[in-house]
Amino acid sequence: MPKPLVDKKMILEVASNARLKLSEKEIEKFVPQLKEVLEYFSKINELDAENEEPSFQPISVKNIFREDTIGKCISQEEALSNTKNKKDGYFKGPKVV
């Protein structure tokens, strides 16, 4: 696979796609940096991954949820015992209009 030509034009296209406005100084700085990044990515093409399975998750995914069982519930009085803001057996919140 041929290496892409990294030049000022390519940097401007990438910047345009990312909606960035770059100065001339930034463009000159990014040309060698992008070349280096693309060289590292081109090394991936050298690997023989023909017999490798794709890995979509770095670790195995498993269900960690507990069983849904009925437990002891607290009474309405216990639930409201530590609040000052209650009315007619319910929590009282601010008026929303």
C-alpha atoms as a PDB file:
ATOM      1  CA  MET A   1       0.000   0.000   0.000  1.00  0.00           C
ATOM      2  CA  PRO A   2       1.555   3.344  -1.003  1.00  0.00           C
ATOM      3  CA  LYS A   3       2.213   5.880   1.702  1.00  0.00           C
ATOM      4  CA  PRO A   4      -0.006   8.966   1.536  1.00  0.00           C
ATOM      5  CA  LEU A   5       1.709  12.199   0.619  1.00  0.00           C
ATOM      6  CA  VAL A   6       1.679  14.389   3.706  1.00  0.00           C
ATOM      7  CA  ASP A   7       2.005  18.013   2.743  1.00  0.00           C
ATOM      8  CA  LYS A   8       0.440  21.376   3.431  1.00  0.00           C
ATOM      9  CA  LYS A   9      -2.562  20.530   1.246  1.00  0.00           C
ATOM     10  CA  MET A  10      -3.340  17.387   3.255  1.00  0.00           C
ATOM     11  CA  ILE A  11      -3.040  19.267   6.561  1.00  0.00           C
ATOM     12  CA  LEU A  12      -5.455  21.906   5.268  1.00  0.00           C
ATOM     13  CA  GLU A  13      -7.951  19.212   4.190  1.00  0.00           C
ATOM     14  CA  VAL A  14      -7.778  17.510   7.590  1.00  0.00           C
ATOM     15  CA  ALA A  15      -8.137  20.873   9.338  1.00  0.00           C
ATOM     16  CA  SER A  16     -11.123  21.734   7.164  1.00  0.00           C
ATOM     17  CA  ASN A  17     -12.812  18.395   7.978  1.00  0.00           C
ATOM     18  CA  ALA A  18     -12.209  19.052  11.671  1.00  0.00           C
ATOM     19  CA  ARG A  19     -13.365  22.674  11.281  1.00  0.00           C
ATOM     20  CA  LEU A  20     -10.032  24.012  12.507  1.00  0.00           C
ATOM     21  CA  LYS A  21      -8.379  27.225  11.444  1.00  0.00           C
ATOM     22  CA  LEU A  22      -4.627  26.749  11.512  1.00  0.00           C
ATOM     23  CA  SER A  23      -1.916  29.347  11.239  1.00  0.00           C
ATOM     24  CA  GLU A  24       1.037  28.885   8.875  1.00  0.00           C
ATOM     25  CA  LYS A  25       3.242  28.107  11.871  1.00  0.00           C
ATOM     26  CA  GLU A  26       0.842  25.365  13.021  1.00  0.00           C
ATOM     27  CA  ILE A  27       0.656  23.874   9.524  1.00  0.00           C
ATOM     28  CA  GLU A  28       4.455  23.686   9.305  1.00  0.00           C
ATOM     29  CA  LYS A  29       4.533  22.052  12.739  1.00  0.00           C
ATOM     30  CA  PHE A  30       1.850  19.465  11.916  1.00  0.00           C
ATOM     31  CA  VAL A  31       3.262  18.211   8.583  1.00  0.00           C
ATOM     32  CA  PRO A  32       6.115  16.185  10.145  1.00  0.00           C
ATOM     33  CA  GLN A  33       3.916  15.104  13.063  1.00  0.00           C
ATOM     34  CA  LEU A  34       1.236  13.686  10.771  1.00  0.00           C
ATOM     35  CA  LYS A  35       3.910  11.943   8.677  1.00  0.00           C
ATOM     36  CA  GLU A  36       5.205  10.261  11.825  1.00  0.00           C
ATOM     37  CA  VAL A  37       1.739   9.160  12.937  1.00  0.00           C
ATOM     38  CA  LEU A  38       0.943   7.675   9.524  1.00  0.00           C
ATOM     39  CA  GLU A  39       4.280   5.823   9.480  1.00  0.00           C
ATOM     40  CA  TYR A  40       3.408   4.173  12.787  1.00  0.00           C
ATOM     41  CA  PHE A  41      -0.002   3.156  11.461  1.00  0.00           C
ATOM     42  CA  SER A  42       1.567   1.744   8.294  1.00  0.00           C
ATOM     43  CA  LYS A  43       3.510  -0.719  10.486  1.00  0.00           C
ATOM     44  CA  ILE A  44       0.167  -2.348  11.364  1.00  0.00           C
ATOM     45  CA  ASN A  45      -0.159  -3.397   7.711  1.00  0.00           C
ATOM     46  CA  GLU A  46       3.063  -5.413   8.069  1.00  0.00           C
ATOM     47  CA  LEU A  47       1.498  -7.707  10.679  1.00  0.00           C
ATOM     48  CA  ASP A  48       0.121 -11.100   9.672  1.00  0.00           C
ATOM     49  CA  ALA A  49      -3.349 -11.010  11.214  1.00  0.00           C
ATOM     50  CA  GLU A  50      -5.006 -13.378   8.755  1.00  0.00           C
ATOM     51  CA  ASN A  51      -5.847 -16.034  11.366  1.00  0.00           C
ATOM     52  CA  GLU A  52      -6.724 -13.635  14.186  1.00  0.00           C
ATOM     53  CA  GLU A  53     -10.245 -13.170  15.460  1.00  0.00           C
ATOM     54  CA  PRO A  54     -11.514  -9.575  15.641  1.00  0.00           C
ATOM     55  CA  SER A  55     -11.531  -8.161  19.161  1.00  0.00           C
ATOM     56  CA  PHE A  56     -14.363  -5.749  19.747  1.00  0.00           C
ATOM     57  CA  GLN A  57     -13.976  -5.722  23.539  1.00  0.00           C
ATOM     58  CA  PRO A  58     -10.586  -5.624  25.287  1.00  0.00           C
ATOM     59  CA  ILE A  59     -12.007  -7.722  28.147  1.00  0.00           C
ATOM     60  CA  SER A  60     -14.746 -10.299  28.170  1.00  0.00           C
ATOM     61  CA  VAL A  61     -18.218  -8.948  28.775  1.00  0.00           C
ATOM     62  CA  LYS A  62     -20.414 -10.734  31.277  1.00  0.00           C
ATOM     63  CA  ASN A  63     -23.559  -9.972  33.217  1.00  0.00           C
ATOM     64  CA  ILE A  64     -22.696  -8.653  36.688  1.00  0.00           C
ATOM     65  CA  PHE A  65     -26.225  -7.947  37.846  1.00  0.00           C
ATOM     66  CA  ARG A  66     -27.638  -9.692  40.894  1.00  0.00           C
ATOM     67  CA  GLU A  67     -30.833 -11.672  40.913  1.00  0.00           C
ATOM     68  CA  ASP A  68     -33.941  -9.535  41.351  1.00  0.00           C
ATOM     69  CA  THR A  69     -35.299 -10.806  44.646  1.00  0.00           C
ATOM     70  CA  ILE A  70     -37.790  -9.314  47.050  1.00  0.00           C
ATOM     71  CA  GLY A  71     -36.201  -8.013  50.230  1.00  0.00           C
ATOM     72  CA  LYS A  72     -37.273  -6.176  53.348  1.00  0.00           C
ATOM     73  CA  CYS A  73     -38.773  -2.770  52.614  1.00  0.00           C
ATOM     74  CA  ILE A  74     -38.927   0.155  54.987  1.00  0.00           C
ATOM     75  CA  SER A  75     -42.240   1.656  55.965  1.00  0.00           C
ATOM     76  CA  GLN A  76     -43.476   5.019  54.746  1.00  0.00           C
ATOM     77  CA  GLU A  77     -42.947   6.454  58.220  1.00  0.00           C
ATOM     78  CA  GLU A  78     -39.325   5.254  58.298  1.00  0.00           C
ATOM     79  CA  ALA A  79     -38.665   6.717  54.847  1.00  0.00           C
ATOM     80  CA  LEU A  80     -40.012  10.125  55.904  1.00  0.00           C
ATOM     81  CA  SER A  81     -38.490  10.083  59.399  1.00  0.00           C
ATOM     82  CA  ASN A  82     -35.349  12.087  58.530  1.00  0.00           C
ATOM     83  CA  THR A  83     -36.890  14.883  56.462  1.00  0.00           C
ATOM     84  CA  LYS A  84     -38.473  18.175  57.427  1.00  0.00           C
ATOM     85  CA  ASN A  85     -40.061  18.515  53.975  1.00  0.00           C
ATOM     86  CA  LYS A  86     -43.063  16.214  54.048  1.00  0.00           C
ATOM     87  CA  LYS A  87     -46.777  16.625  53.601  1.00  0.00           C
ATOM     88  CA  ASP A  88     -49.629  14.099  53.756  1.00  0.00           C
ATOM     89  CA  GLY A  89     -47.254  11.111  53.874  1.00  0.00           C
ATOM     90  CA  TYR A  90     -45.076  12.181  50.911  1.00  0.00           C
ATOM     91  CA  PHE A  91     -41.798  14.040  50.378  1.00  0.00           C
ATOM     92  CA  LYS A  92     -42.519  17.693  49.660  1.00  0.00           C
ATOM     93  CA  GLY A  93     -40.418  19.297  46.934  1.00  0.00           C
ATOM     94  CA  PRO A  94     -40.228  22.798  45.480  1.00  0.00           C
ATOM     95  CA  LYS A  95     -43.064  24.013  43.290  1.00  0.00           C
ATOM     96  CA  VAL A  96     -42.306  23.476  39.598  1.00  0.00           C
ATOM     97  CA  VAL A  97     -44.133  25.682  37.138  1.00  0.00           C
END
